[in-house]
Amino acid sequence: MKKFYTVALIISAVLFTLWFTTKNGSEKLTELSITPVKKIPSDFDITPAKVIPIDLPKAKKPKQVSKQQIAFNEDLAQAAEQVVMQYESALKFPPYSQPLSPLDEDRLKPNLFYPVSSPIDENGGALTVSLKQYRFTYPEEIILNVSGQGLGKVVVELSNTDTKKVLRTNKATASDDEVSITFEGEEDYPRNLQLFIEADIADKKVPVVAQIQYMPPSATLTGFENAYAQNENMIVPANLTVIKSGLYRVRANLYSGNAPLAHLVAKERLTKGSQTLSLKAHWSVLPQGITDMRLSDFVIERMSPSPGELNSFGNSEVSEFDIDDFAYDSLQQLPYQANAQEKLSLEFLQGLAES
């Protein structure tokens, strides 16, 4: 582009010089007699400057939105509307004390192991492996149940999921199409364990694989103190022996008889040693006039302190805690007020749903 402007400038200067010279010469010719002028040699003929066309960028046509994109946007807005409705409903209760129903299986059974199966025949028969949980903490035993029609001898290998190294092997023979096999707890088990089961069924070997977690406890829940009322909350202090300091989240489910009432969550930074952390139940999740309740389904979790370190879990010396003769009328029945962060999150979801 610079060369173009330089050449154009030179051509313009030459043309101006020639025009000026020609003009002066013509004025002198009017004053003097006309004499023949020799023709300039053709080598010095000057041709007009060639105009180089410049292609200007064409205006882009507005991009048309496809029907698929419109449908996707509509689906996204509808999904956001559903999330807004659920979030607005959740904000009626504090995050540390959410109502619980029999349909909330993920909260009612937070450590549930889903059975795994391998087909035996075309008639729907299967070899099935089940455990009471998928996450174990030392010194818990690993007990698995193997079942299947025509089940005979069973061999189970316990190995490191990451390295595939076999750590323990157990064998057993089934009775009435099922067998229970136990591995003793070991403190040095790796976190990720794999169970490889090979069973003899109808003169053929059928394999099935299950994966679990095993770890030393980061803290132990040792018990609870009596519940008491504090403003609008029922407070239940939990006693823990912390083995590894860090930010902890303790969860528990509150029941009345067998009916679930609320999912309680407490989060606090704890140091090593004997510590107390309080679970709180908001008055809005408690039936009016209730006196007898119980806590169960405890989860003690040490939160991951950095991306390179996984969260870890603790264990509990108690399976449940009874709350008797609690004075419900001593609670202040004040509606929960969402905090600034919760309101900001709701506004963001509402904007997404409206866009």
Protein backbone atom coordinates (compact mmCIF):
# COMPACT_ATOMS: atom_id res chain seq x y z
CA MET A 1 0.00 0.00 0.00
CA LYS A 2 2.90 2.37 0.76
CA LYS A 3 4.37 1.67 -2.72
CA PHE A 4 1.01 2.56 -4.27
CA TYR A 5 0.85 5.94 -2.56
CA THR A 6 4.51 6.68 -3.43
CA VAL A 7 3.99 5.91 -7.15
CA ALA A 8 0.78 7.97 -7.20
CA LEU A 9 2.57 10.91 -5.60
CA ILE A 10 5.40 10.76 -8.16
CA ILE A 11 2.97 10.57 -11.10
CA SER A 12 0.98 13.51 -9.70
CA ALA A 13 4.18 15.60 -9.37
CA VAL A 14 5.25 14.82 -12.93
CA LEU A 15 1.80 15.69 -14.34
CA PHE A 16 1.75 18.98 -12.40
CA THR A 17 5.22 19.88 -13.71
CA LEU A 18 4.25 19.11 -17.28
CA TRP A 19 1.00 21.10 -16.93
CA PHE A 20 2.86 24.08 -15.48
CA THR A 21 5.54 23.92 -18.20
CA THR A 22 2.97 23.59 -20.97
CA LYS A 23 0.99 26.52 -19.62
CA ASN A 24 4.04 28.80 -19.55
CA GLY A 25 5.10 27.71 -23.03
CA SER A 26 1.68 28.50 -24.48
CA GLU A 27 1.73 32.00 -22.96
CA LYS A 28 5.11 32.72 -24.60
CA LEU A 29 3.84 31.47 -27.94
CA THR A 30 1.11 34.10 -27.93
CA GLU A 31 3.74 36.82 -27.52
CA LEU A 32 6.25 35.47 -30.05
CA SER A 33 5.89 34.25 -33.51
CA ILE A 34 4.95 30.72 -33.92
CA THR A 35 7.82 28.51 -34.82
CA PRO A 36 7.73 24.82 -35.56
CA VAL A 37 8.13 22.73 -32.44
CA LYS A 38 9.93 19.51 -32.67
CA LYS A 39 8.05 16.52 -31.50
CA ILE A 40 9.33 15.00 -28.33
CA PRO A 41 10.76 11.55 -28.94
CA SER A 42 8.37 8.75 -28.29
CA ASP A 43 10.64 7.39 -25.58
CA PHE A 44 9.55 10.36 -23.47
CA ASP A 45 5.80 10.06 -24.14
CA ILE A 46 3.89 10.15 -20.89
CA THR A 47 0.80 7.99 -20.63
CA PRO A 48 -2.03 8.76 -18.22
CA ALA A 49 -1.74 7.13 -14.77
CA LYS A 50 -3.59 3.84 -14.52
CA VAL A 51 -6.38 3.87 -11.93
CA ILE A 52 -6.18 0.84 -9.68
CA PRO A 53 -9.63 -0.18 -8.45
CA ILE A 54 -9.97 -0.86 -4.71
CA ASP A 55 -12.40 -3.49 -3.53
CA LEU A 56 -14.30 -2.14 -0.54
CA PRO A 57 -15.54 -4.72 1.99
CA LYS A 58 -19.12 -5.63 1.37
CA ALA A 59 -21.62 -5.20 4.17
CA LYS A 60 -22.30 -8.54 5.85
CA LYS A 61 -25.81 -9.81 5.79
CA PRO A 62 -27.34 -10.37 9.23
CA LYS A 63 -26.82 -13.98 10.31
CA GLN A 64 -30.03 -15.92 10.31
CA VAL A 65 -30.84 -17.91 13.45
CA SER A 66 -31.65 -21.53 12.71
CA LYS A 67 -34.77 -23.26 13.97
CA GLN A 68 -32.53 -25.61 15.97
CA GLN A 69 -30.89 -22.64 17.72
CA ILE A 70 -34.29 -21.11 18.51
CA ALA A 71 -35.51 -24.43 19.92
CA PHE A 72 -32.33 -24.77 22.00
CA ASN A 73 -32.75 -21.26 23.43
CA GLU A 74 -36.38 -22.00 24.29
CA ASP A 75 -35.41 -25.26 26.02
CA LEU A 76 -32.69 -23.43 27.96
CA ALA A 77 -35.16 -20.76 29.07
CA GLN A 78 -37.70 -23.37 30.15
CA ALA A 79 -35.04 -25.26 32.10
CA ALA A 80 -33.98 -22.01 33.76
CA GLU A 81 -37.60 -21.32 34.71
CA GLN A 82 -37.81 -24.70 36.43
CA VAL A 83 -34.57 -24.01 38.29
CA VAL A 84 -35.89 -20.59 39.35
CA MET A 85 -39.06 -22.17 40.75
CA GLN A 86 -37.07 -24.79 42.67
CA TYR A 87 -34.60 -22.22 43.96
CA GLU A 88 -37.36 -19.86 45.07
CA SER A 89 -38.97 -22.76 46.93
CA ALA A 90 -35.66 -23.67 48.57
CA LEU A 91 -35.10 -20.05 49.68
CA LYS A 92 -38.14 -20.31 51.93
CA PHE A 93 -35.87 -22.36 54.20
CA PRO A 94 -32.28 -21.73 55.33
CA PRO A 95 -29.60 -23.74 53.46
CA TYR A 96 -28.53 -25.43 56.72
CA SER A 97 -32.05 -26.82 57.32
CA GLN A 98 -33.91 -28.03 54.22
CA PRO A 99 -37.16 -30.05 54.29
CA LEU A 100 -36.81 -33.76 53.54
CA SER A 101 -39.24 -36.16 51.88
CA PRO A 102 -39.23 -39.94 51.24
CA LEU A 103 -38.38 -39.16 47.58
CA ASP A 104 -35.01 -37.57 48.45
CA GLU A 105 -33.08 -40.81 48.14
CA ASP A 106 -29.72 -39.10 47.58
CA ARG A 107 -30.01 -37.48 51.03
CA LEU A 108 -31.70 -40.38 52.80
CA LYS A 109 -29.04 -42.84 51.55
CA PRO A 110 -25.92 -40.75 50.95
CA ASN A 111 -23.57 -43.76 50.88
CA LEU A 112 -25.72 -46.14 48.87
CA PHE A 113 -24.07 -48.77 46.64
CA TYR A 114 -26.11 -49.64 43.58
CA PRO A 115 -25.88 -53.40 42.79
CA VAL A 116 -24.02 -54.40 39.62
CA SER A 117 -24.96 -57.38 37.45
CA SER A 118 -23.66 -59.48 34.59
CA PRO A 119 -26.04 -61.47 32.34
CA ILE A 120 -26.01 -65.26 32.64
CA ASP A 121 -28.34 -66.34 29.85
CA GLU A 122 -30.86 -65.06 27.33
CA ASN A 123 -33.73 -65.61 29.77
CA GLY A 124 -32.82 -62.62 31.92
CA GLY A 125 -30.74 -64.46 34.51
CA ALA A 126 -27.90 -62.44 36.03
CA LEU A 127 -25.01 -62.63 38.44
CA THR A 128 -25.48 -59.79 40.92
CA VAL A 129 -23.06 -58.21 43.42
CA SER A 130 -24.29 -55.93 46.22
CA LEU A 131 -22.70 -54.12 49.18
CA LYS A 132 -24.24 -52.06 51.97
CA GLN A 133 -22.24 -48.98 50.89
CA TYR A 134 -19.68 -47.80 48.34
CA ARG A 135 -17.42 -45.74 50.66
CA PHE A 136 -15.65 -47.40 53.60
CA THR A 137 -13.44 -45.98 56.34
CA TYR A 138 -10.90 -47.93 58.35
CA PRO A 139 -11.40 -50.26 60.26
CA GLU A 140 -14.67 -51.21 58.50
CA GLU A 141 -14.91 -54.62 56.86
CA ILE A 142 -15.79 -54.95 53.18
CA ILE A 143 -18.71 -57.36 52.93
CA LEU A 144 -20.18 -58.24 49.56
CA ASN A 145 -23.08 -60.48 48.64
CA VAL A 146 -23.02 -62.47 45.39
CA SER A 147 -26.19 -64.07 44.01
CA GLY A 148 -27.39 -65.80 40.86
CA GLN A 149 -29.43 -68.82 39.81
CA GLY A 150 -27.27 -71.94 39.78
CA LEU A 151 -24.41 -70.16 41.52
CA GLY A 152 -21.51 -72.41 42.55
CA LYS A 153 -17.91 -71.52 43.36
CA VAL A 154 -17.03 -67.81 43.60
CA VAL A 155 -13.57 -66.18 43.48
CA VAL A 156 -13.18 -62.50 44.42
CA GLU A 157 -10.03 -60.43 43.83
CA LEU A 158 -9.60 -57.14 45.70
CA SER A 159 -7.19 -54.91 43.76
CA ASN A 160 -5.91 -51.36 43.41
CA THR A 161 -8.08 -49.71 40.77
CA ASP A 162 -5.28 -47.41 39.59
CA THR A 163 -2.38 -49.90 39.43
CA LYS A 164 -4.42 -53.13 38.92
CA LYS A 165 -2.31 -54.79 41.64
CA VAL A 166 -4.18 -57.61 43.39
CA LEU A 167 -4.20 -57.04 47.17
CA ARG A 168 -6.38 -59.88 48.51
CA THR A 169 -8.18 -62.95 47.11
CA ASN A 170 -11.12 -64.77 48.71
CA LYS A 171 -12.96 -67.91 47.62
CA ALA A 172 -16.30 -69.37 48.68
CA THR A 173 -19.01 -71.79 47.54
CA ALA A 174 -22.59 -70.63 47.26
CA SER A 175 -25.53 -72.05 49.13
CA ASP A 176 -29.08 -71.54 47.82
CA ASP A 177 -27.75 -69.43 44.91
CA GLU A 178 -25.94 -66.84 47.04
CA VAL A 179 -22.80 -66.32 49.10
CA SER A 180 -21.35 -63.62 51.37
CA ILE A 181 -17.63 -62.80 51.23
CA THR A 182 -15.73 -60.57 53.70
CA PHE A 183 -12.42 -58.69 53.43
CA GLU A 184 -10.92 -57.43 56.67
CA GLY A 185 -10.26 -53.69 56.87
CA GLU A 186 -6.67 -52.54 56.28
CA GLU A 187 -5.35 -49.09 57.09
CA ASP A 188 -3.02 -49.08 54.07
CA TYR A 189 -5.67 -49.89 51.46
CA PRO A 190 -5.56 -47.43 48.52
CA ARG A 191 -8.50 -45.05 48.16
CA ASN A 192 -9.83 -46.64 44.95
CA LEU A 193 -10.52 -50.37 45.13
CA GLN A 194 -11.86 -52.81 42.57
CA LEU A 195 -13.67 -56.07 43.21
CA PHE A 196 -13.35 -58.62 40.41
CA ILE A 197 -15.80 -61.48 40.87
CA GLU A 198 -15.70 -64.68 38.81
CA ALA A 199 -18.46 -67.21 39.46
CA ASP A 200 -19.15 -70.75 38.24
CA ILE A 201 -22.69 -70.92 36.87
CA ALA A 202 -23.99 -73.79 34.73
CA ASP A 203 -20.48 -75.01 33.83
CA LYS A 204 -19.30 -71.60 32.69
CA LYS A 205 -17.45 -68.72 34.33
CA VAL A 206 -19.30 -65.43 34.63
CA PRO A 207 -17.37 -62.25 35.58
CA VAL A 208 -18.59 -59.02 37.17
CA VAL A 209 -16.70 -55.95 38.40
CA ALA A 210 -17.54 -53.48 41.19
CA GLN A 211 -15.64 -50.42 42.42
CA ILE A 212 -15.59 -48.90 45.91
CA GLN A 213 -13.60 -46.41 48.02
CA TYR A 214 -11.62 -47.06 51.19
CA MET A 215 -9.80 -44.50 53.33
CA PRO A 216 -8.60 -43.73 56.85
CA PRO A 217 -11.06 -41.47 58.72
CA SER A 218 -10.28 -37.74 58.81
CA ALA A 219 -12.53 -37.31 61.89
CA THR A 220 -14.82 -39.37 64.12
CA LEU A 221 -18.27 -38.37 65.34
CA THR A 222 -18.38 -39.50 68.96
CA GLY A 223 -21.83 -38.30 70.07
CA PHE A 224 -24.21 -35.40 70.68
CA GLU A 225 -25.26 -33.11 73.48
CA ASN A 226 -28.85 -32.28 74.42
CA ALA A 227 -30.78 -30.15 71.96
CA TYR A 228 -31.85 -26.64 72.97
CA ALA A 229 -33.71 -23.68 71.45
CA GLN A 230 -31.90 -20.58 70.20
CA ASN A 231 -34.07 -17.92 68.58
CA GLU A 232 -35.72 -19.63 65.58
CA ASN A 233 -33.48 -22.73 65.57
CA MET A 234 -33.18 -26.00 67.44
CA ILE A 235 -29.46 -26.47 68.16
CA VAL A 236 -27.90 -29.94 68.44
CA PRO A 237 -24.16 -29.83 69.34
CA ALA A 238 -22.10 -32.66 67.79
CA ASN A 239 -18.83 -33.85 69.34
CA LEU A 240 -16.00 -34.90 67.04
CA THR A 241 -12.44 -36.12 67.36
CA VAL A 242 -10.60 -34.48 64.48
CA ILE A 243 -7.62 -36.40 63.10
CA LYS A 244 -6.84 -34.07 60.20
CA SER A 245 -7.62 -30.35 60.52
CA GLY A 246 -9.49 -28.52 57.77
CA LEU A 247 -12.87 -27.26 56.63
CA TYR A 248 -15.54 -29.81 57.57
CA ARG A 249 -19.11 -30.34 56.43
CA VAL A 250 -21.27 -32.53 58.66
CA ARG A 251 -24.66 -33.73 57.41
CA ALA A 252 -27.48 -35.55 59.17
CA ASN A 253 -31.14 -36.36 58.61
CA LEU A 254 -33.81 -35.48 61.14
CA TYR A 255 -36.74 -37.90 61.59
CA SER A 256 -39.94 -38.14 63.55
CA GLY A 257 -40.39 -41.88 63.94
CA ASN A 258 -39.74 -43.15 60.41
CA ALA A 259 -40.94 -39.97 58.71
CA PRO A 260 -38.11 -37.74 57.38
CA LEU A 261 -38.35 -34.10 58.46
CA ALA A 262 -35.21 -32.22 57.45
CA HIS A 263 -31.70 -32.48 56.04
CA LEU A 264 -29.28 -30.62 58.32
CA VAL A 265 -25.88 -29.31 57.23
CA ALA A 266 -23.16 -27.63 59.32
CA LYS A 267 -19.90 -26.31 57.90
CA GLU A 268 -16.98 -25.14 60.03
CA ARG A 269 -13.19 -25.11 60.08
CA LEU A 270 -11.93 -27.54 62.74
CA THR A 271 -8.50 -28.10 64.20
CA LYS A 272 -7.00 -31.37 65.36
CA GLY A 273 -8.35 -32.77 68.62
CA SER A 274 -11.74 -32.69 70.38
CA GLN A 275 -14.11 -30.26 68.66
CA THR A 276 -17.80 -29.33 68.77
CA LEU A 277 -19.90 -28.40 65.78
CA SER A 278 -23.60 -27.47 65.95
CA LEU A 279 -26.36 -28.75 63.69
CA LYS A 280 -29.38 -26.41 63.41
CA ALA A 281 -33.00 -27.19 62.56
CA HIS A 282 -35.14 -24.17 61.58
CA TRP A 283 -38.60 -24.03 63.14
CA SER A 284 -40.19 -24.07 59.66
CA VAL A 285 -39.14 -27.70 59.04
CA LEU A 286 -40.54 -28.95 62.37
CA PRO A 287 -44.19 -29.97 62.76
CA GLN A 288 -45.97 -27.81 65.28
CA GLY A 289 -45.93 -29.26 68.77
CA ILE A 290 -43.40 -31.98 67.96
CA THR A 291 -41.42 -33.35 70.92
CA ASP A 292 -39.68 -36.60 69.94
CA MET A 293 -37.20 -36.71 67.06
CA ARG A 294 -33.97 -38.48 66.08
CA LEU A 295 -30.87 -37.79 64.01
CA SER A 296 -29.35 -40.39 61.68
CA ASP A 297 -27.50 -40.95 58.34
CA PHE A 298 -24.39 -39.04 59.39
CA VAL A 299 -21.81 -37.89 56.83
CA ILE A 300 -18.56 -36.34 58.06
CA GLU A 301 -16.66 -34.79 55.17
CA ARG A 302 -13.39 -32.87 55.08
CA MET A 303 -13.58 -30.50 52.12
CA SER A 304 -10.84 -30.46 49.52
CA PRO A 305 -8.36 -27.67 50.42
CA SER A 306 -6.93 -27.46 46.88
CA PRO A 307 -7.56 -28.84 43.36
CA GLY A 308 -4.77 -31.38 43.79
CA GLU A 309 -6.20 -32.92 46.97
CA LEU A 310 -9.42 -34.93 47.16
CA ASN A 311 -12.00 -34.53 49.88
CA SER A 312 -11.92 -37.17 52.61
CA PHE A 313 -14.49 -38.63 54.98
CA GLY A 314 -14.81 -39.57 58.62
CA ASN A 315 -16.84 -42.16 60.50
CA SER A 316 -19.29 -42.25 63.37
CA GLU A 317 -19.35 -44.17 66.61
CA VAL A 318 -23.12 -43.65 66.85
CA SER A 319 -25.76 -44.70 64.32
CA GLU A 320 -28.48 -42.35 65.63
CA PHE A 321 -29.28 -39.81 68.35
CA ASP A 322 -32.67 -39.42 70.04
CA ILE A 323 -34.08 -35.96 70.81
CA ASP A 324 -36.73 -36.32 73.50
CA ASP A 325 -39.07 -33.77 75.07
CA PHE A 326 -37.91 -30.81 72.99
CA ALA A 327 -39.89 -27.62 73.74
CA TYR A 328 -41.14 -26.58 70.29
CA ASP A 329 -42.98 -23.55 71.69
CA SER A 330 -39.67 -22.05 72.81
CA LEU A 331 -38.70 -21.35 69.17
CA GLN A 332 -39.23 -17.90 67.66
CA GLN A 333 -41.28 -18.40 64.53
CA LEU A 334 -39.57 -15.86 62.30
CA PRO A 335 -39.56 -16.35 58.50
CA TYR A 336 -36.17 -17.02 56.95
CA GLN A 337 -34.63 -14.06 55.11
CA ALA A 338 -32.42 -14.91 52.14
CA ASN A 339 -28.94 -13.37 52.29
CA ALA A 340 -27.40 -11.10 49.63
CA GLN A 341 -25.61 -13.94 47.82
CA GLU A 342 -28.77 -16.03 47.60
CA LYS A 343 -30.76 -13.06 46.25
CA LEU A 344 -28.03 -12.39 43.66
CA SER A 345 -28.12 -16.02 42.52
CA LEU A 346 -31.91 -15.84 42.17
CA GLU A 347 -31.68 -12.65 40.09
CA PHE A 348 -29.13 -14.29 37.79
CA LEU A 349 -31.39 -17.34 37.24
CA GLN A 350 -34.40 -15.09 36.60
CA GLY A 351 -32.44 -13.13 34.01
CA LEU A 352 -31.39 -16.36 32.30
CA ALA A 353 -34.99 -17.54 32.19
CA GLU A 354 -36.21 -14.24 30.70
CA SER A 355 -33.48 -13.96 28.06
